[in-house]
């Protein structure tokens, strides 16, 4: 069974993704909003969080360090720590991410890879204690991979904390069950900026419907809005 996926994002009322570019607020600053985000993250009680390549690269900050060949890899699926209790999942189709260890923030790292990734990269991940799943097809089936992680690692609840691109791609694929937004009292008011969700040229018309779960007032002037995500009948 596929894990329950909650897209958790903090945004401004004009839909901006990056608090570093927001205007000042009388109710709270970036450190206050960051604390609110972490509080809501914990309240969602996920046992995994998931981001795309760009976001994970900003977190891991490691450089390539492949071991000397010949490369001994175990196959398209490698679970280094199947008994871990929490996980950090990265979607990395081209195999560009690197890590300095097998954990981030105390969560075991699992990488979802495209079919063309070199054995040298798989060997690097293996030597670092990283778990990975390599797609058997050219186009990554994230839904099937999540089902595998649920079945083999016991992942039941994933907090999707993209990048706009991964948020949009999973939403369009029908893999997001809930949209959880923390809206901070600030604005970016700039055209062409990153948004919390991007759907590309095909858009999302007719693919998704939202229904309100709750709307709560948080401290520092922020709101927490939760929507259930449905596929139209």
Protein backbone atom coordinates (compact mmCIF):
# COMPACT_ATOMS: atom_id res chain seq x y z
CA UNK A 1 0.00 0.00 0.00
CA UNK A 2 1.30 3.46 -0.91
CA UNK A 3 2.19 5.73 2.01
CA UNK A 4 -0.05 8.71 2.77
CA UNK A 5 1.63 11.78 1.22
CA UNK A 6 1.19 15.28 2.68
CA UNK A 7 2.64 18.22 0.75
CA UNK A 8 3.75 20.55 3.57
CA UNK A 9 4.87 24.03 2.56
CA UNK A 10 5.27 27.48 4.03
CA UNK A 11 4.24 30.28 1.71
CA UNK A 12 3.31 33.95 1.55
CA UNK A 13 -0.21 35.04 0.51
CA UNK A 14 1.14 35.66 -3.01
CA UNK A 15 2.44 32.08 -3.25
CA UNK A 16 6.17 32.62 -2.84
CA UNK A 17 8.47 29.73 -1.91
CA UNK A 18 11.51 31.49 -0.42
CA UNK A 19 11.15 33.42 2.89
CA UNK A 20 14.52 35.08 2.27
CA UNK A 21 12.83 37.33 -0.29
CA UNK A 22 9.69 38.15 1.69
CA UNK A 23 8.83 41.58 3.06
CA UNK A 24 9.04 42.21 6.79
CA UNK A 25 6.05 41.48 9.00
CA UNK A 26 4.92 43.13 12.20
CA UNK A 27 3.86 39.74 13.57
CA UNK A 28 7.03 37.70 13.24
CA UNK A 29 10.25 37.13 11.31
CA UNK A 30 11.96 34.25 9.55
CA UNK A 31 13.12 32.54 12.73
CA UNK A 32 9.57 32.61 14.13
CA UNK A 33 8.13 31.14 10.92
CA UNK A 34 10.84 28.48 10.79
CA UNK A 35 9.92 27.40 14.32
CA UNK A 36 6.25 27.27 13.31
CA UNK A 37 7.12 25.12 10.31
CA UNK A 38 9.06 22.63 12.43
CA UNK A 39 6.19 22.48 14.93
CA UNK A 40 3.63 21.68 12.22
CA UNK A 41 6.04 19.20 10.63
CA UNK A 42 6.23 17.32 13.93
CA UNK A 43 2.46 17.44 14.44
CA UNK A 44 1.90 15.69 11.10
CA UNK A 45 3.74 12.67 12.58
CA UNK A 46 5.29 11.39 9.36
CA UNK A 47 7.97 8.73 9.43
CA UNK A 48 9.58 10.08 6.24
CA UNK A 49 10.11 13.36 4.42
CA UNK A 50 10.79 13.79 0.72
CA UNK A 51 12.39 16.44 -1.49
CA UNK A 52 13.79 16.75 -5.01
CA UNK A 53 17.38 16.92 -6.17
CA UNK A 54 17.83 20.70 -5.92
CA UNK A 55 16.49 20.94 -2.38
CA UNK A 56 18.44 17.88 -1.21
CA UNK A 57 21.68 19.24 -2.69
CA UNK A 58 21.21 22.37 -0.56
CA UNK A 59 20.82 20.15 2.51
CA UNK A 60 23.54 17.52 1.94
CA UNK A 61 26.26 19.82 0.49
CA UNK A 62 28.56 16.85 -0.23
CA UNK A 63 30.86 16.40 -3.22
CA UNK A 64 31.33 13.34 -5.45
CA UNK A 65 33.63 10.70 -3.93
CA UNK A 66 33.16 7.39 -5.82
CA UNK A 67 35.19 4.45 -4.48
CA UNK A 68 37.91 2.90 -6.62
CA UNK A 69 36.61 0.31 -9.08
CA UNK A 70 35.70 -2.36 -9.87
CA UNK A 71 32.29 -1.41 -8.53
CA UNK A 72 30.35 -3.96 -6.55
CA UNK A 73 26.65 -3.03 -6.47
CA UNK A 74 23.80 -5.16 -5.22
CA UNK A 75 21.24 -4.41 -7.94
CA UNK A 76 18.39 -2.00 -8.55
CA UNK A 77 17.26 -2.07 -4.89
CA UNK A 78 19.58 -1.63 -1.92
CA UNK A 79 18.27 -1.12 1.61
CA UNK A 80 21.22 -0.39 3.87
CA UNK A 81 19.17 0.05 7.06
CA UNK A 82 15.79 -1.68 6.73
CA UNK A 83 15.28 -1.38 10.47
CA UNK A 84 15.48 2.43 10.56
CA UNK A 85 12.50 4.22 12.10
CA UNK A 86 12.52 7.44 10.02
CA UNK A 87 13.68 8.33 6.53
CA UNK A 88 14.82 11.21 4.30
CA UNK A 89 13.80 10.47 0.70
CA UNK A 90 15.40 12.20 -2.29
CA UNK A 91 14.18 12.01 -5.89
CA UNK A 92 17.33 12.13 -8.03
CA UNK A 93 16.68 10.83 -11.58
CA UNK A 94 20.18 11.56 -12.92
CA UNK A 95 22.21 10.44 -9.91
CA UNK A 96 23.75 13.83 -9.10
CA UNK A 97 23.34 13.85 -5.32
CA UNK A 98 26.14 13.01 -2.90
CA UNK A 99 26.17 12.47 0.85
CA UNK A 100 28.69 12.44 3.67
CA UNK A 101 26.80 9.85 5.71
CA UNK A 102 23.67 7.76 5.82
CA UNK A 103 21.56 10.19 7.89
CA UNK A 104 20.17 13.71 7.65
CA UNK A 105 18.63 15.23 10.79
CA UNK A 106 18.66 11.74 12.28
CA UNK A 107 16.70 10.20 9.37
CA UNK A 108 18.15 7.45 7.16
CA UNK A 109 18.64 8.56 3.54
CA UNK A 110 16.88 6.78 0.67
CA UNK A 111 17.47 7.91 -2.93
CA UNK A 112 15.08 7.24 -5.82
CA UNK A 113 17.12 7.05 -9.03
CA UNK A 114 16.56 6.92 -12.78
CA UNK A 115 17.41 3.87 -14.89
CA UNK A 116 20.60 5.27 -16.43
CA UNK A 117 22.62 5.91 -13.26
CA UNK A 118 26.21 4.60 -13.42
CA UNK A 119 27.41 1.75 -11.21
CA UNK A 120 30.11 4.10 -9.86
CA UNK A 121 27.41 6.30 -8.34
CA UNK A 122 25.58 3.30 -6.87
CA UNK A 123 28.86 2.14 -5.37
CA UNK A 124 29.38 5.57 -3.82
CA UNK A 125 25.92 5.48 -2.25
CA UNK A 126 26.52 1.95 -0.99
CA UNK A 127 29.85 2.89 0.59
CA UNK A 128 28.16 5.81 2.36
CA UNK A 129 25.47 3.52 3.78
CA UNK A 130 22.72 5.10 1.65
CA UNK A 131 19.67 3.10 0.58
CA UNK A 132 18.49 3.43 -3.02
CA UNK A 133 15.93 2.25 -5.55
CA UNK A 134 16.74 2.39 -9.28
CA UNK A 135 13.87 2.69 -11.72
CA UNK A 136 13.48 -0.24 -14.08
CA UNK A 137 11.94 2.04 -16.73
CA UNK A 138 13.12 5.24 -18.39
CA UNK A 139 10.32 7.21 -16.77
CA UNK A 140 10.43 6.96 -12.98
CA UNK A 141 7.27 5.54 -11.44
CA UNK A 142 7.36 7.34 -8.09
CA UNK A 143 4.10 5.75 -7.01
CA UNK A 144 5.49 2.24 -7.44
CA UNK A 145 8.67 3.23 -5.61
CA UNK A 146 6.68 4.65 -2.69
CA UNK A 147 4.68 1.43 -2.51
CA UNK A 148 7.96 -0.49 -2.34
CA UNK A 149 9.24 1.75 0.47
CA UNK A 150 6.00 1.27 2.35
CA UNK A 151 6.14 -2.49 1.99
CA UNK A 152 9.83 -3.01 2.70
CA UNK A 153 10.71 -0.17 5.08
CA UNK A 154 7.40 0.40 6.83
CA UNK A 155 7.03 3.98 5.58
CA UNK A 156 3.40 4.97 6.13
CA UNK A 157 3.32 8.76 6.10
CA UNK A 158 5.52 10.99 3.92
CA UNK A 159 5.87 14.76 4.22
CA UNK A 160 6.57 16.09 0.72
CA UNK A 161 8.56 19.29 1.23
CA UNK A 162 9.70 20.04 -2.34
CA UNK A 163 10.82 22.16 -4.62
CA UNK A 164 7.98 23.38 -6.72
CA UNK A 165 8.79 20.90 -9.50
CA UNK A 166 8.58 17.73 -7.39
CA UNK A 167 5.48 19.05 -5.59
CA UNK A 168 3.78 19.64 -8.93
CA UNK A 169 4.85 16.37 -10.54
CA UNK A 170 3.59 14.26 -7.63
CA UNK A 171 0.37 16.26 -7.44
CA UNK A 172 -0.25 15.78 -11.18
CA UNK A 173 0.47 12.05 -10.83
CA UNK A 174 -2.20 11.70 -8.16
CA UNK A 175 0.30 10.84 -5.43
CA UNK A 176 -0.50 13.68 -3.01
CA UNK A 177 -3.26 13.02 -0.48
CA UNK A 178 -3.16 16.28 1.44
CA UNK A 179 -1.96 19.86 0.93
CA UNK A 180 -0.83 21.49 4.18
CA UNK A 181 0.01 25.19 3.94
CA UNK A 182 1.45 27.54 6.52
CA UNK A 183 0.70 31.05 5.27
CA UNK A 184 2.97 33.72 6.75
CA UNK A 185 1.99 37.43 6.88
CA UNK A 186 4.53 38.63 4.31
CA UNK A 187 4.76 39.23 0.57
CA UNK A 188 7.35 38.85 -2.14
CA UNK A 189 5.42 40.79 -4.78
CA UNK A 190 7.84 39.85 -7.55
CA UNK A 191 6.99 38.34 -10.92
CA UNK A 192 8.74 35.26 -12.23
CA UNK A 193 9.67 33.94 -8.81
CA UNK A 194 9.55 30.36 -7.61
CA UNK A 195 6.20 29.18 -6.34
CA UNK A 196 5.35 26.35 -3.99
CA UNK A 197 3.91 24.18 -6.78
CA UNK A 198 4.64 24.18 -10.54
CA UNK A 199 2.76 22.09 -13.07
CA UNK A 200 4.50 22.88 -16.35
CA UNK A 201 2.80 23.58 -19.67
CA UNK A 202 0.15 20.89 -19.26
CA UNK A 203 -1.21 22.46 -16.08
CA UNK A 204 -3.53 20.59 -13.75
CA UNK A 205 -7.03 21.25 -15.06
CA UNK A 206 -9.42 18.40 -14.32
CA UNK A 207 -6.84 16.30 -12.42
CA UNK A 208 -7.25 17.46 -8.82
CA UNK A 209 -9.97 18.74 -6.52
CA UNK A 210 -9.44 20.14 -3.00
CA UNK A 211 -11.67 20.06 0.05
CA UNK A 212 -10.98 21.94 3.28
CA UNK A 213 -9.96 19.89 6.31
CA UNK A 214 -9.16 22.72 8.71
CA UNK A 215 -7.91 26.29 9.05
CA UNK A 216 -6.11 27.23 12.27
CA UNK A 217 -4.63 30.50 13.48
CA UNK A 218 -1.00 30.07 14.54
CA UNK A 219 1.25 32.45 16.43
CA UNK A 220 3.07 35.35 14.74
CA UNK A 221 0.13 36.06 12.43
CA UNK A 222 0.38 32.82 10.44
CA UNK A 223 -2.39 30.47 9.31
CA UNK A 224 -2.30 26.70 8.88
CA UNK A 225 -4.65 25.55 6.12
CA UNK A 226 -5.14 21.86 5.35
CA UNK A 227 -6.85 20.52 2.22
CA UNK A 228 -7.64 16.95 1.24
CA UNK A 229 -6.59 16.25 -2.35
CA UNK A 230 -9.01 14.24 -4.48
CA UNK A 231 -9.03 12.86 -7.99
CA UNK A 232 -12.24 13.91 -9.79
CA UNK A 233 -14.77 11.08 -10.23
